[in-house]
Amino acid sequence: MSATTAPEPMESLPVRSPGTPVVLDRREGPFGEVVLRERGEHFEIIANGCFLMDTSDGRSERLLIDVALASLPAGRTAPSVLIGGLGVGFSLVRAAEEERWGRIVVVEREQAIVDWHREGPLDRISGAALADPRTGILHTDLVAHLRTATERYDALCLDIDNGPDWTVTESNESLYSPAGLAHCRDRLYPGGVLAVWSAQPSPAFEQALRNAGFSGVRTEEVAVARGVPDVVHLALRAD
């Protein structure tokens, strides 16, 4: 009997740790570097080295949409909503799930993020919402759009920073200034609602909203595993 040759050992595959982020795409845009990472079964978006958001929870991003709709005057039919920031898509998906919304407009300044949703791995989150006939994407800077646009909306749901006190780029700071809040007010119909996501409460921003002529200013909180809660700042255009 001839001897049997032992099989050669297979090359071992690298083991991906659930805690180790893997870069899926990295791009340089007009506002700096944006990165899409995968960590285990979740995705993360990083801008200029600053963590923006991931797909591990999303409750506060959904709350941003829910409380805006609930704050509108009773009986308003097919209200329109402008979502500032596409992010990982949770706010858009929540809006598309709600039949009461009419026109849904998303403003996103980073083409890379739009591409990750339309042609990349984030399509599994937002694909159906992007295909909804009510949905439209504007590839532009939110601050500039609010300053120059003429359209009005029933709700503005803004999530482009980690909050009014922690902006991703310096140019975003003007959004929370008296002039920026005046532009937000101009883009709302009477009775419309402004909802702003933040990684922490900001009493100073609440006062800024009152100073800008908004009424009904309040803050909704979402508890997190560690640290201060995520919040949504809410304000109404009374007239």
C-alpha atoms as a PDB file:
ATOM      1  CA  MET A   1       0.000   0.000   0.000  1.00  0.00           C
ATOM      2  CA  SER A   2       1.370   3.383  -0.975  1.00  0.00           C
ATOM      3  CA  ALA A   3       1.796   6.026   1.651  1.00  0.00           C
ATOM      4  CA  THR A   4      -0.838   8.737   1.830  1.00  0.00           C
ATOM      5  CA  THR A   5       0.410  12.295   1.547  1.00  0.00           C
ATOM      6  CA  ALA A   6      -0.895  14.450   4.332  1.00  0.00           C
ATOM      7  CA  PRO A   7      -2.898  17.467   3.085  1.00  0.00           C
ATOM      8  CA  GLU A   8      -1.194  20.811   3.297  1.00  0.00           C
ATOM      9  CA  PRO A   9      -2.622  23.005   6.056  1.00  0.00           C
ATOM     10  CA  MET A  10      -5.088  25.638   4.795  1.00  0.00           C
ATOM     11  CA  GLU A  11      -4.039  29.238   5.124  1.00  0.00           C
ATOM     12  CA  SER A  12      -5.769  30.645   8.176  1.00  0.00           C
ATOM     13  CA  LEU A  13      -8.194  33.514   7.581  1.00  0.00           C
ATOM     14  CA  PRO A  14      -7.890  36.687   9.641  1.00  0.00           C
ATOM     15  CA  VAL A  15     -10.297  36.771  12.552  1.00  0.00           C
ATOM     16  CA  ARG A  16     -12.288  40.015  12.771  1.00  0.00           C
ATOM     17  CA  SER A  17     -12.927  41.048  16.345  1.00  0.00           C
ATOM     18  CA  PRO A  18     -16.386  42.507  17.013  1.00  0.00           C
ATOM     19  CA  GLY A  19     -14.669  45.404  18.776  1.00  0.00           C
ATOM     20  CA  THR A  20     -12.228  46.217  15.986  1.00  0.00           C
ATOM     21  CA  PRO A  21     -13.482  48.778  13.442  1.00  0.00           C
ATOM     22  CA  VAL A  22     -12.837  48.028   9.773  1.00  0.00           C
ATOM     23  CA  VAL A  23     -12.700  50.953   7.331  1.00  0.00           C
ATOM     24  CA  LEU A  24     -15.043  50.345   4.393  1.00  0.00           C
ATOM     25  CA  ASP A  25     -14.545  53.681   2.652  1.00  0.00           C
ATOM     26  CA  ARG A  26     -12.602  56.878   3.244  1.00  0.00           C
ATOM     27  CA  ARG A  27     -13.130  60.060   1.239  1.00  0.00           C
ATOM     28  CA  GLU A  28     -11.947  63.645   1.174  1.00  0.00           C
ATOM     29  CA  GLY A  29     -14.842  66.044   0.691  1.00  0.00           C
ATOM     30  CA  PRO A  30     -15.206  69.821   0.668  1.00  0.00           C
ATOM     31  CA  PHE A  31     -15.523  69.828   4.470  1.00  0.00           C
ATOM     32  CA  GLY A  32     -12.756  67.329   5.233  1.00  0.00           C
ATOM     33  CA  GLU A  33     -12.473  63.575   5.588  1.00  0.00           C
ATOM     34  CA  VAL A  34     -15.467  61.269   6.045  1.00  0.00           C
ATOM     35  CA  VAL A  35     -15.078  57.588   6.875  1.00  0.00           C
ATOM     36  CA  LEU A  36     -17.491  54.657   6.909  1.00  0.00           C
ATOM     37  CA  ARG A  37     -16.457  51.907   9.321  1.00  0.00           C
ATOM     38  CA  GLU A  38     -17.889  48.544  10.216  1.00  0.00           C
ATOM     39  CA  ARG A  39     -17.645  47.338  13.801  1.00  0.00           C
ATOM     40  CA  GLY A  40     -19.105  43.860  14.189  1.00  0.00           C
ATOM     41  CA  GLU A  41     -22.617  44.050  12.770  1.00  0.00           C
ATOM     42  CA  HIS A  42     -22.841  47.844  13.030  1.00  0.00           C
ATOM     43  CA  PHE A  43     -21.707  50.777  10.884  1.00  0.00           C
ATOM     44  CA  GLU A  44     -20.086  54.028  12.044  1.00  0.00           C
ATOM     45  CA  ILE A  45     -19.628  57.397  10.348  1.00  0.00           C
ATOM     46  CA  ILE A  46     -16.592  59.479  11.311  1.00  0.00           C
ATOM     47  CA  ALA A  47     -16.019  63.062  10.116  1.00  0.00           C
ATOM     48  CA  ASN A  48     -12.577  64.636  10.476  1.00  0.00           C
ATOM     49  CA  GLY A  49     -11.784  62.137  13.219  1.00  0.00           C
ATOM     50  CA  CYS A  50     -14.972  63.001  15.141  1.00  0.00           C
ATOM     51  CA  PHE A  51     -17.467  60.208  15.782  1.00  0.00           C
ATOM     52  CA  LEU A  52     -20.857  61.232  14.383  1.00  0.00           C
ATOM     53  CA  MET A  53     -23.194  58.257  14.732  1.00  0.00           C
ATOM     54  CA  ASP A  54     -23.567  54.525  14.358  1.00  0.00           C
ATOM     55  CA  THR A  55     -26.277  51.939  13.828  1.00  0.00           C
ATOM     56  CA  SER A  56     -26.165  50.445  17.330  1.00  0.00           C
ATOM     57  CA  ASP A  57     -29.277  52.204  18.664  1.00  0.00           C
ATOM     58  CA  GLY A  58     -31.072  54.982  16.794  1.00  0.00           C
ATOM     59  CA  ARG A  59     -33.815  55.695  19.348  1.00  0.00           C
ATOM     60  CA  SER A  60     -33.039  59.397  19.581  1.00  0.00           C
ATOM     61  CA  GLU A  61     -32.820  59.767  15.779  1.00  0.00           C
ATOM     62  CA  ARG A  62     -36.294  58.229  15.517  1.00  0.00           C
ATOM     63  CA  LEU A  63     -37.536  60.414  18.363  1.00  0.00           C
ATOM     64  CA  LEU A  64     -36.426  63.441  16.363  1.00  0.00           C
ATOM     65  CA  ILE A  65     -39.091  62.585  13.771  1.00  0.00           C
ATOM     66  CA  ASP A  66     -41.775  61.311  16.131  1.00  0.00           C
ATOM     67  CA  VAL A  67     -41.876  64.315  18.448  1.00  0.00           C
ATOM     68  CA  ALA A  68     -41.833  66.739  15.504  1.00  0.00           C
ATOM     69  CA  LEU A  69     -44.934  65.101  14.036  1.00  0.00           C
ATOM     70  CA  ALA A  70     -46.654  64.912  17.423  1.00  0.00           C
ATOM     71  CA  SER A  71     -45.975  68.630  18.019  1.00  0.00           C
ATOM     72  CA  LEU A  72     -47.730  69.818  14.853  1.00  0.00           C
ATOM     73  CA  PRO A  73     -51.225  71.303  15.120  1.00  0.00           C
ATOM     74  CA  ALA A  74     -54.005  68.713  15.089  1.00  0.00           C
ATOM     75  CA  GLY A  75     -55.633  68.188  11.730  1.00  0.00           C
ATOM     76  CA  ARG A  76     -52.672  69.269   9.585  1.00  0.00           C
ATOM     77  CA  THR A  77     -52.765  66.917   6.590  1.00  0.00           C
ATOM     78  CA  ALA A  78     -49.715  65.544   4.747  1.00  0.00           C
ATOM     79  CA  PRO A  79     -47.201  67.791   6.529  1.00  0.00           C
ATOM     80  CA  SER A  80     -43.824  68.277   4.904  1.00  0.00           C
ATOM     81  CA  VAL A  81     -40.545  67.635   6.699  1.00  0.00           C
ATOM     82  CA  LEU A  82     -36.972  68.658   5.977  1.00  0.00           C
ATOM     83  CA  ILE A  83     -34.405  66.344   7.551  1.00  0.00           C
ATOM     84  CA  GLY A  84     -31.004  67.956   7.983  1.00  0.00           C
ATOM     85  CA  GLY A  85     -28.396  65.230   7.671  1.00  0.00           C
ATOM     86  CA  LEU A  86     -28.822  61.761   6.175  1.00  0.00           C
ATOM     87  CA  GLY A  87     -26.402  60.107   8.613  1.00  0.00           C
ATOM     88  CA  VAL A  88     -26.993  56.367   8.938  1.00  0.00           C
ATOM     89  CA  GLY A  89     -30.570  56.842   7.731  1.00  0.00           C
ATOM     90  CA  PHE A  90     -32.599  56.219  10.901  1.00  0.00           C
ATOM     91  CA  SER A  91     -34.481  59.544  10.784  1.00  0.00           C
ATOM     92  CA  LEU A  92     -35.330  59.162   7.103  1.00  0.00           C
ATOM     93  CA  VAL A  93     -36.513  55.587   7.612  1.00  0.00           C
ATOM     94  CA  ARG A  94     -38.716  56.660  10.516  1.00  0.00           C
ATOM     95  CA  ALA A  95     -40.293  59.432   8.454  1.00  0.00           C
ATOM     96  CA  ALA A  96     -40.961  57.089   5.524  1.00  0.00           C
ATOM     97  CA  GLU A  97     -42.587  54.559   7.876  1.00  0.00           C
ATOM     98  CA  GLU A  98     -45.177  57.165   8.887  1.00  0.00           C
ATOM     99  CA  GLU A  99     -47.956  57.521   6.320  1.00  0.00           C
ATOM    100  CA  ARG A 100     -49.034  60.912   7.680  1.00  0.00           C
ATOM    101  CA  TRP A 101     -45.930  62.670   6.367  1.00  0.00           C
ATOM    102  CA  GLY A 102     -46.271  64.195   2.935  1.00  0.00           C
ATOM    103  CA  ARG A 103     -43.101  65.490   1.272  1.00  0.00           C
ATOM    104  CA  ILE A 104     -39.858  64.236   2.867  1.00  0.00           C
ATOM    105  CA  VAL A 105     -36.716  66.185   1.931  1.00  0.00           C
ATOM    106  CA  VAL A 106     -33.255  65.205   3.174  1.00  0.00           C
ATOM    107  CA  VAL A 107     -30.378  67.680   2.932  1.00  0.00           C
ATOM    108  CA  GLU A 108     -26.921  66.064   2.973  1.00  0.00           C
ATOM    109  CA  ARG A 109     -23.705  67.896   2.093  1.00  0.00           C
ATOM    110  CA  GLU A 110     -21.410  64.843   1.879  1.00  0.00           C
ATOM    111  CA  GLN A 111     -21.699  63.011  -1.430  1.00  0.00           C
ATOM    112  CA  ALA A 112     -19.945  60.029   0.144  1.00  0.00           C
ATOM    113  CA  ILE A 113     -22.782  59.542   2.629  1.00  0.00           C
ATOM    114  CA  VAL A 114     -25.368  59.726  -0.149  1.00  0.00           C
ATOM    115  CA  ASP A 115     -23.374  57.142  -2.118  1.00  0.00           C
ATOM    116  CA  TRP A 116     -23.111  54.782   0.874  1.00  0.00           C
ATOM    117  CA  HIS A 117     -26.910  54.776   1.046  1.00  0.00           C
ATOM    118  CA  ARG A 118     -27.654  54.563  -2.662  1.00  0.00           C
ATOM    119  CA  GLU A 119     -24.916  52.179  -3.755  1.00  0.00           C
ATOM    120  CA  GLY A 120     -23.150  50.972  -0.627  1.00  0.00           C
ATOM    121  CA  PRO A 121     -23.738  48.960   2.532  1.00  0.00           C
ATOM    122  CA  LEU A 122     -26.141  51.482   4.121  1.00  0.00           C
ATOM    123  CA  ASP A 123     -28.654  50.637   1.409  1.00  0.00           C
ATOM    124  CA  ARG A 124     -29.820  47.761   3.606  1.00  0.00           C
ATOM    125  CA  ILE A 125     -31.033  50.370   6.112  1.00  0.00           C
ATOM    126  CA  SER A 126     -32.478  53.098   3.907  1.00  0.00           C
ATOM    127  CA  GLY A 127     -33.165  51.457   0.542  1.00  0.00           C
ATOM    128  CA  ALA A 128     -36.945  51.322   0.898  1.00  0.00           C
ATOM    129  CA  ALA A 129     -37.133  54.851   2.320  1.00  0.00           C
ATOM    130  CA  LEU A 130     -35.069  56.282  -0.539  1.00  0.00           C
ATOM    131  CA  ALA A 131     -37.358  54.551  -3.023  1.00  0.00           C
ATOM    132  CA  ASP A 132     -40.445  56.099  -1.407  1.00  0.00           C
ATOM    133  CA  PRO A 133     -41.967  58.583  -3.892  1.00  0.00           C
ATOM    134  CA  ARG A 134     -42.322  61.176  -1.109  1.00  0.00           C
ATOM    135  CA  THR A 135     -38.549  61.220  -0.536  1.00  0.00           C
ATOM    136  CA  GLY A 136     -36.102  63.620  -2.159  1.00  0.00           C
ATOM    137  CA  ILE A 137     -32.377  64.126  -1.504  1.00  0.00           C
ATOM    138  CA  LEU A 138     -30.713  67.531  -1.817  1.00  0.00           C
ATOM    139  CA  HIS A 139     -26.922  67.362  -2.044  1.00  0.00           C
ATOM    140  CA  THR A 140     -26.088  70.720  -0.514  1.00  0.00           C
ATOM    141  CA  ASP A 141     -24.975  72.379   2.703  1.00  0.00           C
ATOM    142  CA  LEU A 142     -27.854  72.687   5.166  1.00  0.00           C
ATOM    143  CA  VAL A 143     -26.763  76.073   6.537  1.00  0.00           C
ATOM    144  CA  ALA A 144     -26.594  77.560   3.041  1.00  0.00           C
ATOM    145  CA  HIS A 145     -29.889  75.935   2.046  1.00  0.00           C
ATOM    146  CA  LEU A 146     -31.766  77.400   4.999  1.00  0.00           C
ATOM    147  CA  ARG A 147     -30.304  80.821   4.225  1.00  0.00           C
ATOM    148  CA  THR A 148     -31.099  80.877   0.497  1.00  0.00           C
ATOM    149  CA  ALA A 149     -34.123  78.612  -0.041  1.00  0.00           C
ATOM    150  CA  THR A 150     -37.667  79.899  -0.432  1.00  0.00           C
ATOM    151  CA  GLU A 151     -39.547  76.659   0.308  1.00  0.00           C
ATOM    152  CA  ARG A 152     -41.348  76.263   3.601  1.00  0.00           C
ATOM    153  CA  TYR A 153     -41.915  73.123   5.628  1.00  0.00           C
ATOM    154  CA  ASP A 154     -44.134  72.016   8.477  1.00  0.00           C
ATOM    155  CA  ALA A 155     -41.153  70.555  10.330  1.00  0.00           C
ATOM    156  CA  LEU A 156     -37.383  70.929  10.340  1.00  0.00           C
ATOM    157  CA  CYS A 157     -35.602  67.941  11.913  1.00  0.00           C
ATOM    158  CA  LEU A 158     -31.910  68.773  12.156  1.00  0.00           C
ATOM    159  CA  ASP A 159     -29.111  66.362  13.055  1.00  0.00           C
ATOM    160  CA  ILE A 160     -25.865  67.544  11.494  1.00  0.00           C
ATOM    161  CA  ASP A 161     -23.715  67.880  14.620  1.00  0.00           C
ATOM    162  CA  ASN A 162     -23.245  66.314  18.021  1.00  0.00           C
ATOM    163  CA  GLY A 163     -25.301  69.261  19.254  1.00  0.00           C
ATOM    164  CA  PRO A 164     -25.412  73.064  19.310  1.00  0.00           C
ATOM    165  CA  ASP A 165     -22.372  73.132  21.607  1.00  0.00           C
ATOM    166  CA  TRP A 166     -20.351  70.495  19.705  1.00  0.00           C
ATOM    167  CA  THR A 167     -20.307  71.134  15.962  1.00  0.00           C
ATOM    168  CA  VAL A 168     -18.593  68.979  13.351  1.00  0.00           C
ATOM    169  CA  THR A 169     -17.182  71.972  11.446  1.00  0.00           C
ATOM    170  CA  GLU A 170     -16.864  75.643  12.380  1.00  0.00           C
ATOM    171  CA  SER A 171     -19.191  76.648   9.547  1.00  0.00           C
ATOM    172  CA  ASN A 172     -22.040  74.814  11.276  1.00  0.00           C
ATOM    173  CA  GLU A 173     -21.848  77.120  14.293  1.00  0.00           C
ATOM    174  CA  SER A 174     -23.852  79.776  12.452  1.00  0.00           C
ATOM    175  CA  LEU A 175     -26.869  77.448  12.357  1.00  0.00           C
ATOM    176  CA  TYR A 176     -27.347  77.939  16.113  1.00  0.00           C
ATOM    177  CA  SER A 177     -26.706  81.693  16.046  1.00  0.00           C
ATOM    178  CA  PRO A 178     -29.523  84.284  16.097  1.00  0.00           C
ATOM    179  CA  ALA A 179     -29.250  84.657  12.327  1.00  0.00           C
ATOM    180  CA  GLY A 180     -29.259  80.888  11.763  1.00  0.00           C
ATOM    181  CA  LEU A 181     -32.309  80.373  13.963  1.00  0.00           C
ATOM    182  CA  ALA A 182     -34.050  83.208  12.135  1.00  0.00           C
ATOM    183  CA  HIS A 183     -33.434  81.343   8.867  1.00  0.00           C
ATOM    184  CA  CYS A 184     -34.917  78.199  10.433  1.00  0.00           C
ATOM    185  CA  ARG A 185     -37.976  80.157  11.493  1.00  0.00           C
ATOM    186  CA  ASP A 186     -38.356  81.595   7.980  1.00  0.00           C
ATOM    187  CA  ARG A 187     -38.375  78.097   6.495  1.00  0.00           C
ATOM    188  CA  LEU A 188     -41.322  77.012   8.667  1.00  0.00           C
ATOM    189  CA  TYR A 189     -45.018  77.507   8.089  1.00  0.00           C
ATOM    190  CA  PRO A 190     -46.900  79.116  10.997  1.00  0.00           C
ATOM    191  CA  GLY A 191     -47.376  76.423  13.610  1.00  0.00           C
ATOM    192  CA  GLY A 192     -44.366  74.547  12.273  1.00  0.00           C
ATOM    193  CA  VAL A 193     -41.867  72.807  14.526  1.00  0.00           C
ATOM    194  CA  LEU A 194     -38.083  72.937  14.752  1.00  0.00           C
ATOM    195  CA  ALA A 195     -36.477  69.795  16.222  1.00  0.00           C
ATOM    196  CA  VAL A 196     -32.712  69.706  16.835  1.00  0.00           C
ATOM    197  CA  TRP A 197     -30.837  66.564  17.926  1.00  0.00           C
ATOM    198  CA  SER A 198     -28.074  66.872  20.513  1.00  0.00           C
ATOM    199  CA  ALA A 199     -25.769  64.492  22.355  1.00  0.00           C
ATOM    200  CA  GLN A 200     -26.400  66.449  25.558  1.00  0.00           C
ATOM    201  CA  PRO A 201     -28.882  69.005  26.907  1.00  0.00           C
ATOM    202  CA  SER A 202     -28.125  72.657  26.231  1.00  0.00           C
ATOM    203  CA  PRO A 203     -29.945  75.208  28.414  1.00  0.00           C
ATOM    204  CA  ALA A 204     -28.140  77.976  26.511  1.00  0.00           C
ATOM    205  CA  PHE A 205     -29.616  76.741  23.235  1.00  0.00           C
ATOM    206  CA  GLU A 206     -33.093  76.592  24.781  1.00  0.00           C
ATOM    207  CA  GLN A 207     -32.738  80.260  25.680  1.00  0.00           C
ATOM    208  CA  ALA A 208     -31.426  81.054  22.198  1.00  0.00           C
ATOM    209  CA  LEU A 209     -34.584  79.504  20.731  1.00  0.00           C
ATOM    210  CA  ARG A 210     -36.777  81.702  22.940  1.00  0.00           C
ATOM    211  CA  ASN A 211     -34.728  84.775  22.040  1.00  0.00           C
ATOM    212  CA  ALA A 212     -35.238  83.935  18.339  1.00  0.00           C
ATOM    213  CA  GLY A 213     -39.010  84.165  18.767  1.00  0.00           C
ATOM    214  CA  PHE A 214     -39.889  80.483  19.059  1.00  0.00           C
ATOM    215  CA  SER A 215     -42.543  79.345  21.521  1.00  0.00           C
ATOM    216  CA  GLY A 216     -43.219  76.067  23.299  1.00  0.00           C
ATOM    217  CA  VAL A 217     -39.495  75.412  23.781  1.00  0.00           C
ATOM    218  CA  ARG A 218     -38.849  72.089  25.486  1.00  0.00           C
ATOM    219  CA  THR A 219     -36.370  69.198  25.554  1.00  0.00           C
ATOM    220  CA  GLU A 220     -37.097  65.482  25.152  1.00  0.00           C
ATOM    221  CA  GLU A 221     -34.489  63.073  26.574  1.00  0.00           C
ATOM    222  CA  VAL A 222     -33.423  59.540  25.634  1.00  0.00           C
ATOM    223  CA  ALA A 223     -31.379  57.716  28.264  1.00  0.00           C
ATOM    224  CA  VAL A 224     -28.111  56.136  27.117  1.00  0.00           C
ATOM    225  CA  ALA A 225     -26.058  53.348  28.675  1.00  0.00           C
ATOM    226  CA  ARG A 226     -23.401  55.728  29.999  1.00  0.00           C
ATOM    227  CA  GLY A 227     -23.190  59.469  30.442  1.00  0.00           C
ATOM    228  CA  VAL A 228     -25.727  62.225  29.867  1.00  0.00           C
ATOM    229  CA  PRO A 229     -28.831  61.467  27.774  1.00  0.00           C
ATOM    230  CA  ASP A 230     -29.276  62.234  24.098  1.00  0.00           C
ATOM    231  CA  VAL A 231     -31.886  64.941  23.622  1.00  0.00           C
ATOM    232  CA  VAL A 232     -34.137  66.572  21.047  1.00  0.00           C
ATOM    233  CA  HIS A 233     -34.678  70.308  21.439  1.00  0.00           C
ATOM    234  CA  LEU A 234     -38.136  71.391  20.240  1.00  0.00           C
ATOM    235  CA  ALA A 235     -39.560  74.802  19.399  1.00  0.00           C
ATOM    236  CA  LEU A 236     -42.629  76.084  17.536  1.00  0.00           C
ATOM    237  CA  ARG A 237     -43.165  78.951  15.130  1.00  0.00           C
ATOM    238  CA  ALA A 238     -46.236  80.570  16.607  1.00  0.00           C
ATOM    239  CA  ASP A 239     -47.162  82.879  13.720  1.00  0.00           C
END
